[in-house]
Amino acid sequence: MSRGLCRFSAPLLLRPLIGFCDLTSDEVHAIAEHEHIADAIAAVLGASMLHSAHGPEHIRDMFMDDIRAAVRRHDVPHARHLVATLRHFLHEHPDAALRHAAA
């Protein structure tokens, strides 16, 4: 398979994985960025984490780590994008929200 065809087909192969994993493409990409892995692998990892104990919280923490890293780099547009991604994730997966300790 030629390299050009491989680059063209990768997004086509990623769409079904993203549809299967109950995450948006932005959420999958944020997991890939955090773990330094390909988006396709991040889609599978994210799907697995969503269905594991405390997995949604771990995904939330990945997003928060990436937001902090973007802020430290002064990459405000990327930090804003990650905040929007986190907000959407928390809306769709409320079990990932931070819990306050009882007083």
N, C-alpha and C. Protein backbone atom coordinates (compact mmCIF):
# COMPACT_ATOMS: atom_id res chain seq x y z
N MET A 1 0.86 -1.17 0.00
CA MET A 1 0.00 0.00 0.00
C MET A 1 0.90 1.23 0.00
N SER A 2 0.59 2.17 -0.85
CA SER A 2 1.42 3.37 -0.92
C SER A 2 1.16 4.27 0.28
N ARG A 3 2.14 5.08 0.60
CA ARG A 3 2.04 5.95 1.76
C ARG A 3 0.88 6.96 1.61
N GLY A 4 0.67 7.50 0.43
CA GLY A 4 -0.41 8.46 0.19
C GLY A 4 -1.78 7.84 0.43
N LEU A 5 -1.98 6.61 -0.01
CA LEU A 5 -3.24 5.93 0.19
C LEU A 5 -3.46 5.66 1.68
N CYS A 6 -2.41 5.33 2.39
CA CYS A 6 -2.51 5.06 3.82
C CYS A 6 -2.96 6.32 4.57
N ARG A 7 -2.40 7.46 4.21
CA ARG A 7 -2.80 8.72 4.85
C ARG A 7 -4.24 9.06 4.54
N PHE A 8 -4.69 8.76 3.31
CA PHE A 8 -6.05 9.07 2.91
C PHE A 8 -7.04 8.15 3.63
N SER A 9 -6.70 6.89 3.80
CA SER A 9 -7.66 5.94 4.36
C SER A 9 -7.74 5.99 5.88
N ALA A 10 -6.72 6.53 6.56
CA ALA A 10 -6.73 6.56 8.02
C ALA A 10 -7.96 7.26 8.58
N PRO A 11 -8.34 8.47 8.10
CA PRO A 11 -9.55 9.10 8.64
C PRO A 11 -10.81 8.28 8.35
N LEU A 12 -10.84 7.59 7.21
CA LEU A 12 -12.00 6.77 6.89
C LEU A 12 -12.12 5.59 7.84
N LEU A 13 -11.01 5.05 8.27
CA LEU A 13 -11.03 3.94 9.21
C LEU A 13 -11.30 4.41 10.63
N LEU A 14 -10.97 5.65 10.93
CA LEU A 14 -11.15 6.19 12.28
C LEU A 14 -12.61 6.49 12.58
N ARG A 15 -13.37 6.92 11.60
CA ARG A 15 -14.77 7.30 11.84
C ARG A 15 -15.59 6.18 12.48
N PRO A 16 -15.54 4.95 11.97
CA PRO A 16 -16.32 3.88 12.63
C PRO A 16 -15.86 3.61 14.06
N LEU A 17 -14.56 3.71 14.31
CA LEU A 17 -14.07 3.51 15.67
C LEU A 17 -14.61 4.57 16.61
N ILE A 18 -14.61 5.82 16.15
CA ILE A 18 -15.12 6.91 16.99
C ILE A 18 -16.61 6.72 17.23
N GLY A 19 -17.35 6.32 16.22
CA GLY A 19 -18.78 6.06 16.40
C GLY A 19 -19.05 4.94 17.39
N PHE A 20 -18.16 3.98 17.46
CA PHE A 20 -18.30 2.83 18.34
C PHE A 20 -17.96 3.16 19.79
N CYS A 21 -17.07 4.12 20.02
CA CYS A 21 -16.50 4.30 21.35
C CYS A 21 -17.25 5.27 22.25
N ASP A 22 -18.31 5.92 21.78
CA ASP A 22 -19.09 6.85 22.59
C ASP A 22 -18.28 8.06 23.04
N LEU A 23 -17.31 8.46 22.20
CA LEU A 23 -16.54 9.68 22.41
C LEU A 23 -16.55 10.47 21.12
N THR A 24 -16.38 11.78 21.21
CA THR A 24 -16.29 12.60 20.01
C THR A 24 -14.87 12.50 19.45
N SER A 25 -14.70 12.96 18.21
CA SER A 25 -13.37 12.96 17.62
C SER A 25 -12.42 13.85 18.41
N ASP A 26 -12.92 14.97 18.95
CA ASP A 26 -12.07 15.85 19.77
C ASP A 26 -11.63 15.14 21.05
N GLU A 27 -12.54 14.38 21.65
CA GLU A 27 -12.19 13.65 22.87
C GLU A 27 -11.16 12.56 22.58
N VAL A 28 -11.35 11.86 21.48
CA VAL A 28 -10.39 10.82 21.08
C VAL A 28 -9.03 11.45 20.81
N HIS A 29 -9.03 12.58 20.11
CA HIS A 29 -7.76 13.24 19.80
C HIS A 29 -7.07 13.72 21.07
N ALA A 30 -7.82 14.20 22.05
CA ALA A 30 -7.23 14.65 23.31
C ALA A 30 -6.61 13.47 24.07
N ILE A 31 -7.26 12.31 24.04
CA ILE A 31 -6.68 11.11 24.66
C ILE A 31 -5.40 10.73 23.93
N ALA A 32 -5.43 10.77 22.60
CA ALA A 32 -4.24 10.45 21.80
C ALA A 32 -3.10 11.40 22.11
N GLU A 33 -3.42 12.68 22.24
CA GLU A 33 -2.40 13.68 22.56
C GLU A 33 -1.79 13.39 23.93
N HIS A 34 -2.63 13.11 24.91
CA HIS A 34 -2.15 12.87 26.27
C HIS A 34 -1.28 11.63 26.36
N GLU A 35 -1.71 10.57 25.67
CA GLU A 35 -1.01 9.28 25.76
C GLU A 35 0.07 9.11 24.69
N HIS A 36 0.17 10.07 23.77
CA HIS A 36 1.16 10.02 22.68
C HIS A 36 0.97 8.75 21.85
N ILE A 37 -0.29 8.53 21.43
CA ILE A 37 -0.64 7.36 20.63
C ILE A 37 -1.49 7.82 19.45
N ALA A 38 -1.68 6.94 18.49
CA ALA A 38 -2.51 7.23 17.33
C ALA A 38 -3.98 7.37 17.74
N ASP A 39 -4.73 8.15 16.98
CA ASP A 39 -6.14 8.36 17.29
C ASP A 39 -6.93 7.05 17.31
N ALA A 40 -6.63 6.14 16.40
CA ALA A 40 -7.36 4.86 16.36
C ALA A 40 -7.14 4.08 17.65
N ILE A 41 -5.93 4.06 18.14
CA ILE A 41 -5.64 3.36 19.40
C ILE A 41 -6.31 4.10 20.55
N ALA A 42 -6.30 5.43 20.50
CA ALA A 42 -6.95 6.23 21.54
C ALA A 42 -8.46 5.96 21.57
N ALA A 43 -9.08 5.73 20.42
CA ALA A 43 -10.51 5.43 20.38
C ALA A 43 -10.80 4.12 21.12
N VAL A 44 -9.97 3.12 20.89
CA VAL A 44 -10.15 1.83 21.57
C VAL A 44 -9.87 1.98 23.06
N LEU A 45 -8.81 2.68 23.41
CA LEU A 45 -8.47 2.92 24.81
C LEU A 45 -9.60 3.67 25.51
N GLY A 46 -10.10 4.72 24.88
CA GLY A 46 -11.18 5.51 25.46
C GLY A 46 -12.44 4.70 25.67
N ALA A 47 -12.79 3.86 24.71
CA ALA A 47 -13.97 3.00 24.84
C ALA A 47 -13.80 2.06 26.02
N SER A 48 -12.62 1.50 26.16
CA SER A 48 -12.35 0.60 27.28
C SER A 48 -12.43 1.35 28.61
N MET A 49 -11.85 2.53 28.65
CA MET A 49 -11.85 3.31 29.89
C MET A 49 -13.26 3.74 30.29
N LEU A 50 -14.10 4.09 29.32
CA LEU A 50 -15.46 4.52 29.64
C LEU A 50 -16.24 3.45 30.37
N HIS A 51 -15.91 2.19 30.10
CA HIS A 51 -16.66 1.08 30.69
C HIS A 51 -15.92 0.41 31.84
N SER A 52 -14.88 1.06 32.33
CA SER A 52 -14.14 0.50 33.47
C SER A 52 -14.41 1.35 34.71
N ALA A 53 -14.16 0.76 35.86
CA ALA A 53 -14.34 1.50 37.12
C ALA A 53 -13.39 2.69 37.13
N HIS A 54 -13.91 3.84 37.37
CA HIS A 54 -13.17 5.10 37.44
C HIS A 54 -12.53 5.52 36.12
N GLY A 55 -12.87 4.85 35.03
CA GLY A 55 -12.33 5.21 33.71
C GLY A 55 -12.72 6.60 33.26
N PRO A 56 -14.01 6.97 33.38
CA PRO A 56 -14.38 8.34 32.99
C PRO A 56 -13.62 9.41 33.77
N GLU A 57 -13.36 9.15 35.05
CA GLU A 57 -12.59 10.10 35.85
C GLU A 57 -11.16 10.20 35.34
N HIS A 58 -10.60 9.08 34.92
CA HIS A 58 -9.24 9.09 34.37
C HIS A 58 -9.19 9.88 33.06
N ILE A 59 -10.21 9.73 32.23
CA ILE A 59 -10.27 10.50 30.99
C ILE A 59 -10.36 11.99 31.32
N ARG A 60 -11.23 12.34 32.27
CA ARG A 60 -11.34 13.74 32.71
C ARG A 60 -9.98 14.27 33.15
N ASP A 61 -9.25 13.47 33.93
CA ASP A 61 -7.94 13.90 34.41
C ASP A 61 -6.95 14.08 33.26
N MET A 62 -7.04 13.25 32.23
CA MET A 62 -6.18 13.41 31.05
C MET A 62 -6.44 14.78 30.41
N PHE A 63 -7.74 15.11 30.24
CA PHE A 63 -8.09 16.39 29.64
C PHE A 63 -7.56 17.55 30.49
N MET A 64 -7.72 17.43 31.79
CA MET A 64 -7.27 18.50 32.68
C MET A 64 -5.74 18.64 32.63
N ASP A 65 -5.02 17.52 32.56
CA ASP A 65 -3.56 17.58 32.43
C ASP A 65 -3.16 18.30 31.14
N ASP A 66 -3.87 17.99 30.05
CA ASP A 66 -3.55 18.62 28.77
C ASP A 66 -3.88 20.11 28.78
N ILE A 67 -4.96 20.48 29.48
CA ILE A 67 -5.30 21.90 29.60
C ILE A 67 -4.18 22.62 30.36
N ARG A 68 -3.74 22.04 31.46
CA ARG A 68 -2.65 22.65 32.23
C ARG A 68 -1.39 22.80 31.38
N ALA A 69 -1.06 21.77 30.60
CA ALA A 69 0.13 21.81 29.75
C ALA A 69 0.00 22.91 28.70
N ALA A 70 -1.19 23.05 28.11
CA ALA A 70 -1.40 24.10 27.10
C ALA A 70 -1.27 25.48 27.73
N VAL A 71 -1.79 25.65 28.94
CA VAL A 71 -1.68 26.94 29.62
C VAL A 71 -0.21 27.25 29.93
N ARG A 72 0.54 26.24 30.40
CA ARG A 72 1.97 26.46 30.69
C ARG A 72 2.74 26.85 29.43
N ARG A 73 2.32 26.33 28.26
CA ARG A 73 2.97 26.68 26.99
C ARG A 73 2.46 28.01 26.44
N HIS A 74 1.48 28.60 27.12
CA HIS A 74 0.83 29.83 26.66
C HIS A 74 0.08 29.61 25.34
N ASP A 75 -0.40 28.39 25.14
CA ASP A 75 -1.18 28.04 23.94
C ASP A 75 -2.66 28.19 24.28
N VAL A 76 -3.10 29.44 24.34
CA VAL A 76 -4.46 29.75 24.77
C VAL A 76 -5.52 29.15 23.83
N PRO A 77 -5.36 29.24 22.51
CA PRO A 77 -6.39 28.64 21.65
C PRO A 77 -6.56 27.13 21.90
N HIS A 78 -5.44 26.43 22.07
CA HIS A 78 -5.55 24.98 22.32
C HIS A 78 -6.16 24.72 23.70
N ALA A 79 -5.79 25.50 24.70
CA ALA A 79 -6.38 25.34 26.04
C ALA A 79 -7.89 25.56 25.98
N ARG A 80 -8.33 26.58 25.26
CA ARG A 80 -9.76 26.84 25.12
C ARG A 80 -10.48 25.68 24.44
N HIS A 81 -9.84 25.13 23.40
CA HIS A 81 -10.44 24.00 22.70
C HIS A 81 -10.56 22.79 23.63
N LEU A 82 -9.51 22.56 24.43
CA LEU A 82 -9.55 21.44 25.37
C LEU A 82 -10.59 21.66 26.47
N VAL A 83 -10.77 22.90 26.91
CA VAL A 83 -11.81 23.19 27.91
C VAL A 83 -13.18 22.89 27.32
N ALA A 84 -13.40 23.28 26.08
CA ALA A 84 -14.69 22.98 25.43
C ALA A 84 -14.88 21.47 25.30
N THR A 85 -13.81 20.76 24.98
CA THR A 85 -13.87 19.30 24.87
C THR A 85 -14.20 18.70 26.23
N LEU A 86 -13.56 19.18 27.29
CA LEU A 86 -13.83 18.69 28.64
C LEU A 86 -15.28 18.97 29.04
N ARG A 87 -15.76 20.17 28.76
CA ARG A 87 -17.15 20.51 29.12
C ARG A 87 -18.13 19.58 28.42
N HIS A 88 -17.90 19.31 27.15
CA HIS A 88 -18.79 18.40 26.42
C HIS A 88 -18.71 17.00 27.02
N PHE A 89 -17.50 16.55 27.32
CA PHE A 89 -17.32 15.22 27.91
C PHE A 89 -18.07 15.12 29.24
N LEU A 90 -17.95 16.13 30.09
CA LEU A 90 -18.63 16.10 31.39
C LEU A 90 -20.14 16.16 31.24
N HIS A 91 -20.61 16.86 30.20
CA HIS A 91 -22.06 16.89 29.93
C HIS A 91 -22.57 15.51 29.52
N GLU A 92 -21.81 14.83 28.68
CA GLU A 92 -22.21 13.51 28.18
C GLU A 92 -21.93 12.39 29.19
N HIS A 93 -20.98 12.60 30.08
CA HIS A 93 -20.57 11.57 31.04
C HIS A 93 -20.52 12.19 32.44
N PRO A 94 -21.69 12.47 33.03
CA PRO A 94 -21.71 13.17 34.32
C PRO A 94 -21.03 12.38 35.44
N ASP A 95 -20.86 11.08 35.28
CA ASP A 95 -20.19 10.30 36.31
C ASP A 95 -18.70 10.64 36.41
N ALA A 96 -18.19 11.41 35.46
CA ALA A 96 -16.78 11.83 35.47
C ALA A 96 -16.58 13.14 36.21
N ALA A 97 -17.65 13.77 36.66
CA ALA A 97 -17.53 15.07 37.32
C ALA A 97 -16.77 14.94 38.64
N LEU A 98 -16.10 16.03 39.01
CA LEU A 98 -15.41 16.06 40.30
C LEU A 98 -16.43 15.98 41.41
N ARG A 99 -16.11 15.23 42.41
CA ARG A 99 -17.00 15.07 43.57
C ARG A 99 -16.42 15.86 44.73
N HIS A 100 -17.28 16.56 45.45
CA HIS A 100 -16.86 17.29 46.63
C HIS A 100 -17.02 16.39 47.85
N ALA A 101 -16.04 16.44 48.72
CA ALA A 101 -16.11 15.64 49.94
C ALA A 101 -17.19 16.21 50.86
N ALA A 102 -17.87 15.32 51.55
CA ALA A 102 -18.91 15.76 52.50
C ALA A 102 -18.25 16.46 53.68
N ALA A 103 -18.87 17.53 54.13
CA ALA A 103 -18.29 18.30 55.24
C ALA A 103 -18.60 17.67 56.57
